Structure formats: structure tokens, C-alpha cells
């Protein structure tokens, strides 16, 4: 699923930032992209938690 090489995915994420973005904005974007990619990798590996279990865990 992650077809583009890592360096290209990093460049694409940073390139999508506005011209006035800060270094902190870039770091935040890269952390977000890394977390999404990790989640997709886990989902592809079948490491999912059923919706009903999440509701049960976080019910108040």
C-alpha cells in the first residue's frame, strides 16, 4: 500500500504545507503521516480491534 519510497512520502508531506509553515508544523505533519502509515500497516496485518470492543472500552 505504501508504494512511494519513504523519502518521497516525506517530501510530499512537507511540500503540502503552506508557505508560512513553521518547523513545528512540519514535524507535526510528519508525525501524523507516520502514525497513519503505522495504522494502515497494522490494519493490513489484521491487527484490528472490532468497533464493538472500542465502544465497550470507552463507554462511560
N, C-alpha and C. Protein backbone atom coordinates (compact mmCIF):
# COMPACT_ATOMS: atom_id res chain seq x y z
N UNK A 1 0.82 -1.19 0.00
CA UNK A 1 0.00 0.00 0.00
C UNK A 1 0.86 1.26 0.00
N UNK A 2 1.99 1.20 0.67
CA UNK A 2 2.89 2.36 0.74
C UNK A 2 3.87 2.26 -0.43
N UNK A 3 3.39 2.58 -1.62
CA UNK A 3 4.15 2.35 -2.83
C UNK A 3 5.35 3.29 -2.98
N UNK A 4 5.18 4.55 -2.64
CA UNK A 4 6.28 5.50 -2.81
C UNK A 4 7.36 5.26 -1.76
N UNK A 5 8.62 5.46 -2.13
CA UNK A 5 9.70 5.31 -1.15
C UNK A 5 9.53 6.31 0.00
N UNK A 6 10.09 5.96 1.13
CA UNK A 6 9.95 6.78 2.34
C UNK A 6 10.35 8.23 2.10
N UNK A 7 11.48 8.45 1.48
CA UNK A 7 11.95 9.82 1.26
C UNK A 7 10.92 10.62 0.45
N UNK A 8 10.32 10.00 -0.56
CA UNK A 8 9.34 10.70 -1.38
C UNK A 8 8.07 11.01 -0.58
N UNK A 9 7.64 10.10 0.29
CA UNK A 9 6.46 10.34 1.14
C UNK A 9 6.73 11.50 2.09
N UNK A 10 7.95 11.58 2.61
CA UNK A 10 8.34 12.70 3.50
C UNK A 10 8.30 14.01 2.72
N UNK A 11 8.90 14.02 1.54
CA UNK A 11 8.93 15.23 0.73
C UNK A 11 7.52 15.67 0.34
N UNK A 12 6.66 14.73 0.00
CA UNK A 12 5.28 15.06 -0.36
C UNK A 12 4.53 15.67 0.82
N UNK A 13 4.74 15.12 2.02
CA UNK A 13 4.07 15.64 3.21
C UNK A 13 4.51 17.07 3.51
N UNK A 14 5.79 17.33 3.40
CA UNK A 14 6.31 18.66 3.69
C UNK A 14 5.93 19.63 2.57
N UNK A 15 5.94 19.16 1.35
CA UNK A 15 5.59 20.01 0.21
C UNK A 15 4.14 20.49 0.29
N UNK A 16 3.30 19.72 0.95
CA UNK A 16 1.89 20.09 1.08
C UNK A 16 1.62 21.15 2.13
N UNK A 17 2.64 21.55 2.86
CA UNK A 17 2.46 22.58 3.90
C UNK A 17 2.36 23.96 3.26
N UNK A 18 1.67 24.88 3.91
CA UNK A 18 1.61 26.26 3.39
C UNK A 18 3.00 26.92 3.45
N UNK A 19 3.16 27.97 2.68
CA UNK A 19 4.45 28.65 2.59
C UNK A 19 4.91 29.22 3.92
N UNK A 20 3.98 29.58 4.78
CA UNK A 20 4.36 30.17 6.07
C UNK A 20 4.43 29.15 7.21
N UNK A 21 4.50 27.86 6.87
CA UNK A 21 4.57 26.81 7.88
C UNK A 21 5.87 26.91 8.68
N UNK A 22 5.77 26.51 9.94
CA UNK A 22 6.94 26.51 10.81
C UNK A 22 7.57 25.11 10.83
N UNK A 23 8.73 25.03 11.44
CA UNK A 23 9.37 23.73 11.61
C UNK A 23 8.47 22.82 12.45
N UNK A 24 7.82 23.41 13.45
CA UNK A 24 6.91 22.63 14.29
C UNK A 24 5.74 22.07 13.47
N UNK A 25 5.24 22.86 12.51
CA UNK A 25 4.17 22.40 11.62
C UNK A 25 4.65 21.19 10.81
N UNK A 26 5.87 21.26 10.31
CA UNK A 26 6.43 20.17 9.52
C UNK A 26 6.58 18.91 10.37
N UNK A 27 7.07 19.07 11.57
CA UNK A 27 7.24 17.93 12.46
C UNK A 27 5.89 17.31 12.78
N UNK A 28 4.90 18.16 13.08
CA UNK A 28 3.56 17.66 13.38
C UNK A 28 2.99 16.88 12.19
N UNK A 29 3.18 17.40 10.99
CA UNK A 29 2.68 16.71 9.79
C UNK A 29 3.37 15.37 9.61
N UNK A 30 4.69 15.33 9.82
CA UNK A 30 5.43 14.07 9.65
C UNK A 30 5.04 13.04 10.69
N UNK A 31 4.81 13.47 11.92
CA UNK A 31 4.36 12.54 12.97
C UNK A 31 2.98 11.99 12.60
N UNK A 32 2.09 12.86 12.12
CA UNK A 32 0.76 12.42 11.71
C UNK A 32 0.85 11.38 10.60
N UNK A 33 1.65 11.67 9.57
CA UNK A 33 1.80 10.75 8.44
C UNK A 33 2.36 9.41 8.93
N UNK A 34 3.34 9.45 9.83
CA UNK A 34 3.93 8.21 10.36
C UNK A 34 2.88 7.39 11.10
N UNK A 35 2.04 8.05 11.89
CA UNK A 35 1.01 7.33 12.65
C UNK A 35 -0.05 6.73 11.73
N UNK A 36 -0.43 7.46 10.69
CA UNK A 36 -1.39 6.92 9.73
C UNK A 36 -0.80 5.71 9.03
N UNK A 37 0.45 5.81 8.60
CA UNK A 37 1.09 4.69 7.91
C UNK A 37 1.21 3.48 8.84
N UNK A 38 1.54 3.71 10.10
CA UNK A 38 1.62 2.60 11.05
C UNK A 38 0.25 1.94 11.20
N UNK A 39 -0.80 2.74 11.28
CA UNK A 39 -2.15 2.21 11.40
C UNK A 39 -2.56 1.40 10.17
N UNK A 40 -2.22 1.90 9.00
CA UNK A 40 -2.54 1.16 7.78
C UNK A 40 -1.80 -0.17 7.72
N UNK A 41 -0.54 -0.15 8.14
CA UNK A 41 0.25 -1.39 8.16
C UNK A 41 -0.37 -2.40 9.13
N UNK A 42 -0.79 -1.93 10.29
CA UNK A 42 -1.43 -2.81 11.27
C UNK A 42 -2.75 -3.35 10.73
N UNK A 43 -3.52 -2.51 10.07
CA UNK A 43 -4.80 -2.95 9.50
C UNK A 43 -4.57 -4.03 8.44
N UNK A 44 -3.57 -3.81 7.58
CA UNK A 44 -3.27 -4.80 6.55
C UNK A 44 -2.83 -6.13 7.16
N UNK A 45 -2.21 -6.07 8.35
CA UNK A 45 -1.76 -7.29 9.02
C UNK A 45 -2.87 -7.93 9.84
N UNK A 46 -4.05 -7.32 9.80
CA UNK A 46 -5.18 -7.89 10.54
C UNK A 46 -5.18 -7.54 12.01
N UNK A 47 -4.37 -6.60 12.41
CA UNK A 47 -4.28 -6.20 13.82
C UNK A 47 -5.31 -5.11 14.09
N UNK A 48 -6.57 -5.50 14.08
CA UNK A 48 -7.67 -4.56 14.25
C UNK A 48 -8.42 -4.86 15.54
N UNK A 49 -9.10 -3.86 16.06
CA UNK A 49 -9.98 -4.04 17.21
C UNK A 49 -11.39 -3.77 16.72
N UNK A 50 -12.30 -4.72 16.91
CA UNK A 50 -13.67 -4.52 16.44
C UNK A 50 -14.31 -3.28 17.07
N UNK A 51 -15.18 -2.63 16.30
CA UNK A 51 -15.84 -1.42 16.76
C UNK A 51 -16.55 -1.64 18.09
N UNK A 52 -17.23 -2.75 18.24
CA UNK A 52 -17.95 -3.03 19.49
C UNK A 52 -17.00 -3.06 20.68
N UNK A 53 -15.80 -3.56 20.49
CA UNK A 53 -14.82 -3.60 21.59
C UNK A 53 -14.37 -2.19 21.97
N UNK A 54 -14.18 -1.34 20.98
CA UNK A 54 -13.80 0.06 21.27
C UNK A 54 -14.90 0.76 22.04
N UNK A 55 -16.14 0.56 21.61
CA UNK A 55 -17.27 1.18 22.31
C UNK A 55 -17.30 0.70 23.75
N UNK A 56 -17.09 -0.59 23.95
CA UNK A 56 -17.10 -1.17 25.30
C UNK A 56 -15.97 -0.58 26.15
N UNK A 57 -14.79 -0.44 25.58
CA UNK A 57 -13.64 0.07 26.32
C UNK A 57 -13.82 1.53 26.77
N UNK A 58 -14.45 2.32 25.91
CA UNK A 58 -14.54 3.74 26.18
C UNK A 58 -15.92 4.21 26.63
N UNK A 59 -16.80 3.26 26.90
CA UNK A 59 -18.14 3.64 27.40
C UNK A 59 -17.99 4.22 28.81
N UNK A 60 -18.79 5.21 29.09
CA UNK A 60 -18.69 5.86 30.39
C UNK A 60 -19.79 5.41 31.29
